[in-house]
Amino acid sequence: MITAGKAVLVTGANRGIGKALVDEALRRGARRVYAGTRQPLAHPDDRVTPVTLDVTDVTHIRAAVERVDSLDVLINNAGIAAVDDLTDTTVLDRMLAVNFYGAHHVTQAFLPLLTESAGAIATNMSLTAIAPYPLAASYSISKAAVLAMTQSLRAILASRGVRVHAILTGPADTDMGARFDVLPRTPPELVARNIFEGIEDEVEDIFPDPMSQDMADSWHNGSTKELERRLAEMYAERV
């Protein structure tokens, strides 16, 4: 996968890692970058097409699909976080609505275009998908659900030629990252660069910052990853 000449869609593209992903796609020569945001967005590069996209709104998703002629890379980056201790189920509902169902609905909506291009899906889910951060319990649960979805889609879509990437990000120097006061935080530009490196190198699970990279080898060679591979093989044999 080479980004140059490709069409890329980034959700949550107005700030932080999303904004950096748009800029990195342009730097790598993307032909078209669809920048999905809830609020109107202006960008000086004419290769950027702003797309109004609240990932919890099915009408927004349908309208976004109509605006995209072809798509090679979908990056599910839109997300929210909250400090909670699981005592208020409305917080969990909101985390799941945006972080899990939002990514799921957007992925399914654009899947025909990605199948046609034999493209790639990359979903930003954070290290809390692997181990929860108790200060953000509902957020962690939603990201663990996204990881399970990503691993499932990886097996389901393999026969269609669509590659599926998990982005396991540590603390980033963004507004969201600052809420949890975890240091050190990585500049979003570096995170975005490493995400695209992982997509282009066809790495299944991308660890794009120093904190997450410390865990990369143990994850890639660990029992959890091995179990994923075995279950994927079992699935392929049955279908």
Protein backbone atom coordinates (compact mmCIF):
# COMPACT_ATOMS: atom_id res chain seq x y z
CA MET A 1 0.00 0.00 0.00
CA ILE A 2 1.43 3.34 -1.11
CA THR A 3 -0.45 6.50 -0.14
CA ALA A 4 0.64 8.49 -3.19
CA GLY A 5 -2.18 8.74 -5.72
CA LYS A 6 -4.73 7.22 -3.35
CA ALA A 7 -8.00 8.50 -1.88
CA VAL A 8 -8.08 8.65 1.93
CA LEU A 9 -10.93 9.36 4.35
CA VAL A 10 -10.14 10.49 7.90
CA THR A 11 -12.89 10.87 10.49
CA GLY A 12 -12.44 13.31 13.37
CA ALA A 13 -10.21 15.35 11.09
CA ASN A 14 -10.60 18.78 12.63
CA ARG A 15 -7.94 18.60 15.35
CA GLY A 16 -5.30 16.55 17.10
CA ILE A 17 -4.33 13.26 15.48
CA GLY A 18 -7.09 13.59 12.86
CA LYS A 19 -5.76 16.90 11.59
CA ALA A 20 -2.23 15.51 11.58
CA LEU A 21 -3.42 12.48 9.58
CA VAL A 22 -4.90 14.74 6.91
CA ASP A 23 -1.64 16.67 6.65
CA GLU A 24 0.43 13.48 6.56
CA ALA A 25 -1.71 12.00 3.79
CA LEU A 26 -1.13 15.15 1.75
CA ARG A 27 2.60 15.05 2.47
CA ARG A 28 2.69 11.49 1.14
CA GLY A 29 1.03 12.51 -2.11
CA ALA A 30 -2.58 11.41 -1.61
CA ARG A 31 -4.73 12.22 -4.63
CA ARG A 32 -7.77 13.11 -2.49
CA VAL A 33 -8.25 13.43 1.26
CA TYR A 34 -11.80 13.43 2.59
CA ALA A 35 -11.77 15.20 5.96
CA GLY A 36 -14.75 14.11 8.04
CA THR A 37 -15.78 16.56 10.75
CA ARG A 38 -18.93 17.45 12.66
CA GLN A 39 -18.40 21.16 12.03
CA PRO A 40 -17.56 22.88 8.71
CA LEU A 41 -13.87 22.74 7.85
CA ALA A 42 -11.74 24.89 5.56
CA HIS A 43 -8.39 23.69 4.23
CA PRO A 44 -5.94 25.52 1.95
CA ASP A 45 -5.03 22.41 -0.09
CA ASP A 46 -7.50 21.76 -2.90
CA ARG A 47 -6.91 18.02 -2.58
CA VAL A 48 -8.87 18.13 0.69
CA THR A 49 -12.62 17.64 0.46
CA PRO A 50 -14.38 18.54 3.73
CA VAL A 51 -17.20 16.14 4.57
CA THR A 52 -19.74 16.86 7.31
CA LEU A 53 -19.69 13.63 9.26
CA ASP A 54 -21.03 13.00 12.73
CA VAL A 55 -20.29 9.29 13.04
CA THR A 56 -23.36 8.80 15.24
CA ASP A 57 -25.71 10.21 12.58
CA VAL A 58 -26.72 7.73 9.88
CA THR A 59 -27.92 10.53 7.61
CA HIS A 60 -24.46 12.11 7.75
CA ILE A 61 -22.86 8.76 6.93
CA ARG A 62 -25.15 8.16 3.95
CA ALA A 63 -24.50 11.67 2.64
CA ALA A 64 -20.75 11.16 3.06
CA VAL A 65 -20.85 7.97 1.01
CA GLU A 66 -22.59 9.86 -1.79
CA ARG A 67 -19.75 12.42 -1.86
CA VAL A 68 -16.95 9.88 -2.16
CA ASP A 69 -16.33 8.54 -5.67
CA SER A 70 -13.62 6.04 -4.73
CA LEU A 71 -11.74 5.17 -1.56
CA ASP A 72 -8.49 3.37 -0.86
CA VAL A 73 -7.90 4.04 2.84
CA LEU A 74 -10.41 4.63 5.64
CA ILE A 75 -8.99 5.86 8.94
CA ASN A 76 -11.54 5.72 11.76
CA ASN A 77 -10.15 8.36 14.07
CA ALA A 78 -13.24 10.09 15.49
CA GLY A 79 -13.62 9.47 19.19
CA ILE A 80 -14.46 10.93 22.57
CA ALA A 81 -13.22 10.28 26.09
CA ALA A 82 -14.53 10.89 29.59
CA VAL A 83 -13.40 10.44 33.16
CA ASP A 84 -15.76 7.97 34.84
CA ASP A 85 -15.96 5.03 37.23
CA LEU A 86 -18.83 3.08 35.60
CA THR A 87 -21.46 4.40 38.02
CA ASP A 88 -23.28 6.33 35.27
CA THR A 89 -24.34 4.09 32.40
CA THR A 90 -25.12 7.08 30.19
CA VAL A 91 -21.37 7.73 29.96
CA LEU A 92 -20.79 4.17 28.78
CA ASP A 93 -23.61 4.49 26.27
CA ARG A 94 -22.05 7.66 24.85
CA MET A 95 -18.58 6.12 24.61
CA LEU A 96 -19.97 3.10 22.77
CA ALA A 97 -22.14 5.25 20.48
CA VAL A 98 -19.18 7.28 19.20
CA ASN A 99 -16.12 5.09 19.63
CA PHE A 100 -17.57 1.69 18.78
CA TYR A 101 -20.81 2.06 16.83
CA GLY A 102 -19.55 5.14 15.02
CA ALA A 103 -16.52 3.27 13.70
CA HIS A 104 -18.67 0.24 12.90
CA HIS A 105 -21.30 2.17 10.94
CA VAL A 106 -18.74 4.20 8.98
CA THR A 107 -16.77 1.06 8.13
CA GLN A 108 -19.81 -0.83 6.90
CA ALA A 109 -21.01 2.14 4.85
CA PHE A 110 -17.70 2.51 2.99
CA LEU A 111 -16.92 -1.20 2.74
CA PRO A 112 -18.20 -1.57 -0.85
CA LEU A 113 -15.77 1.12 -2.05
CA LEU A 114 -12.90 -0.38 -0.06
CA THR A 115 -13.66 -3.85 -1.42
CA GLU A 116 -13.64 -2.47 -4.95
CA SER A 117 -10.22 -0.88 -4.44
CA ALA A 118 -8.80 -3.73 -2.31
CA GLY A 119 -8.14 -0.99 0.19
CA ALA A 120 -7.36 -0.65 3.88
CA ILE A 121 -9.24 0.13 7.08
CA ALA A 122 -7.29 1.54 10.03
CA THR A 123 -9.02 2.29 13.32
CA ASN A 124 -7.48 4.35 16.12
CA MET A 125 -8.33 2.70 19.40
CA SER A 126 -5.54 3.45 21.95
CA LEU A 127 -3.63 1.15 24.28
CA THR A 128 -6.66 1.02 26.57
CA ALA A 129 -8.08 -1.51 24.12
CA ILE A 130 -5.50 -3.95 25.52
CA ALA A 131 -5.60 -2.93 29.18
CA PRO A 132 -8.09 -0.48 30.71
CA TYR A 133 -7.17 2.81 32.29
CA PRO A 134 -9.49 2.82 35.34
CA LEU A 135 -9.76 6.61 35.33
CA ALA A 136 -11.53 6.27 31.97
CA ALA A 137 -13.31 2.97 32.40
CA SER A 138 -16.12 3.45 29.85
CA TYR A 139 -13.68 4.78 27.27
CA SER A 140 -11.48 1.72 27.79
CA ILE A 141 -14.45 -0.63 27.38
CA SER A 142 -15.45 1.04 24.12
CA LYS A 143 -11.92 0.73 22.76
CA ALA A 144 -11.70 -2.94 23.75
CA ALA A 145 -14.90 -3.48 21.77
CA VAL A 146 -13.32 -1.74 18.77
CA LEU A 147 -10.29 -4.03 18.99
CA ALA A 148 -12.51 -7.11 18.94
CA MET A 149 -14.40 -5.68 15.96
CA THR A 150 -11.13 -4.96 14.15
CA GLN A 151 -9.76 -8.45 14.75
CA SER A 152 -13.04 -9.96 13.53
CA LEU A 153 -13.14 -7.83 10.39
CA ARG A 154 -9.51 -8.69 9.68
CA ALA A 155 -10.49 -12.34 9.32
CA ILE A 156 -13.84 -11.71 7.63
CA LEU A 157 -12.45 -9.34 4.98
CA ALA A 158 -9.20 -11.17 4.22
CA SER A 159 -10.78 -13.07 1.32
CA ARG A 160 -11.98 -9.77 -0.19
CA GLY A 161 -8.48 -8.30 -0.23
CA VAL A 162 -9.26 -5.57 2.35
CA ARG A 163 -6.53 -5.08 4.93
CA VAL A 164 -7.59 -4.19 8.48
CA HIS A 165 -5.28 -2.36 10.88
CA ALA A 166 -5.55 -1.67 14.59
CA ILE A 167 -3.91 1.56 15.78
CA LEU A 168 -2.88 1.18 19.42
CA THR A 169 -1.92 4.69 20.42
CA GLY A 170 -0.40 5.79 23.71
CA PRO A 171 -0.76 9.29 25.21
CA ALA A 172 -0.69 11.97 22.50
CA ASP A 173 -0.19 15.70 22.91
CA THR A 174 -3.79 16.57 22.08
CA ASP A 175 -6.75 18.09 23.90
CA MET A 176 -8.03 14.60 24.64
CA GLY A 177 -4.66 13.40 25.90
CA ALA A 178 -4.29 16.39 28.19
CA ARG A 179 -7.48 15.47 30.03
CA PHE A 180 -5.84 12.49 31.69
CA ASP A 181 -2.54 14.12 32.64
CA VAL A 182 -0.44 11.17 31.46
CA LEU A 183 3.15 11.95 30.50
CA PRO A 184 5.03 11.91 28.24
CA ARG A 185 2.66 12.73 25.39
CA THR A 186 3.71 12.28 21.77
CA PRO A 187 3.21 15.03 19.15
CA PRO A 188 0.28 14.12 16.89
CA GLU A 189 2.44 14.70 13.80
CA LEU A 190 4.74 11.83 14.82
CA VAL A 191 1.76 9.61 15.61
CA ALA A 192 0.25 10.32 12.18
CA ARG A 193 3.55 9.65 10.40
CA ASN A 194 3.94 6.29 12.10
CA ILE A 195 0.31 5.35 11.39
CA PHE A 196 0.84 5.84 7.68
CA GLU A 197 4.15 3.97 7.87
CA GLY A 198 2.29 1.05 9.40
CA ILE A 199 -0.46 1.13 6.79
CA GLU A 200 2.03 1.31 3.93
CA ASP A 201 4.08 -1.52 5.42
CA GLU A 202 0.86 -3.54 5.92
CA VAL A 203 1.45 -3.98 9.65
CA GLU A 204 -1.69 -5.42 11.21
CA ASP A 205 -1.34 -3.77 14.63
CA ILE A 206 0.31 -0.36 14.60
CA PHE A 207 2.02 1.05 17.70
CA PRO A 208 2.71 4.65 16.61
CA ASP A 209 4.41 6.30 19.59
CA PRO A 210 7.22 5.56 22.05
CA MET A 211 4.98 4.33 24.89
CA SER A 212 3.04 1.96 22.68
CA GLN A 213 6.15 0.82 20.80
CA ASP A 214 7.53 -0.54 24.07
CA MET A 215 4.73 -3.11 23.91
CA ALA A 216 4.89 -3.91 20.19
CA ASP A 217 7.22 -6.92 20.26
CA SER A 218 5.47 -8.62 23.17
CA TRP A 219 2.11 -8.08 21.47
CA HIS A 220 3.15 -9.31 18.02
CA ASN A 221 4.81 -12.40 19.49
CA GLY A 222 2.49 -13.01 22.42
CA SER A 223 -0.20 -15.57 23.16
CA THR A 224 -3.08 -13.18 22.48
CA LYS A 225 -1.91 -12.52 18.93
CA GLU A 226 -1.25 -16.21 18.38
CA LEU A 227 -4.79 -17.02 19.50
CA GLU A 228 -6.16 -14.41 17.09
CA ARG A 229 -4.25 -16.08 14.24
CA ARG A 230 -5.51 -19.55 15.15
CA LEU A 231 -9.13 -18.41 15.40
CA ALA A 232 -8.81 -16.60 12.06
CA GLU A 233 -7.51 -19.82 10.50
CA MET A 234 -10.45 -21.74 11.95
CA TYR A 235 -12.82 -19.16 10.51
CA ALA A 236 -11.19 -19.36 7.06
CA GLU A 237 -11.55 -23.15 7.07
CA ARG A 238 -15.27 -22.94 7.87
CA VAL A 239 -16.12 -20.39 5.17
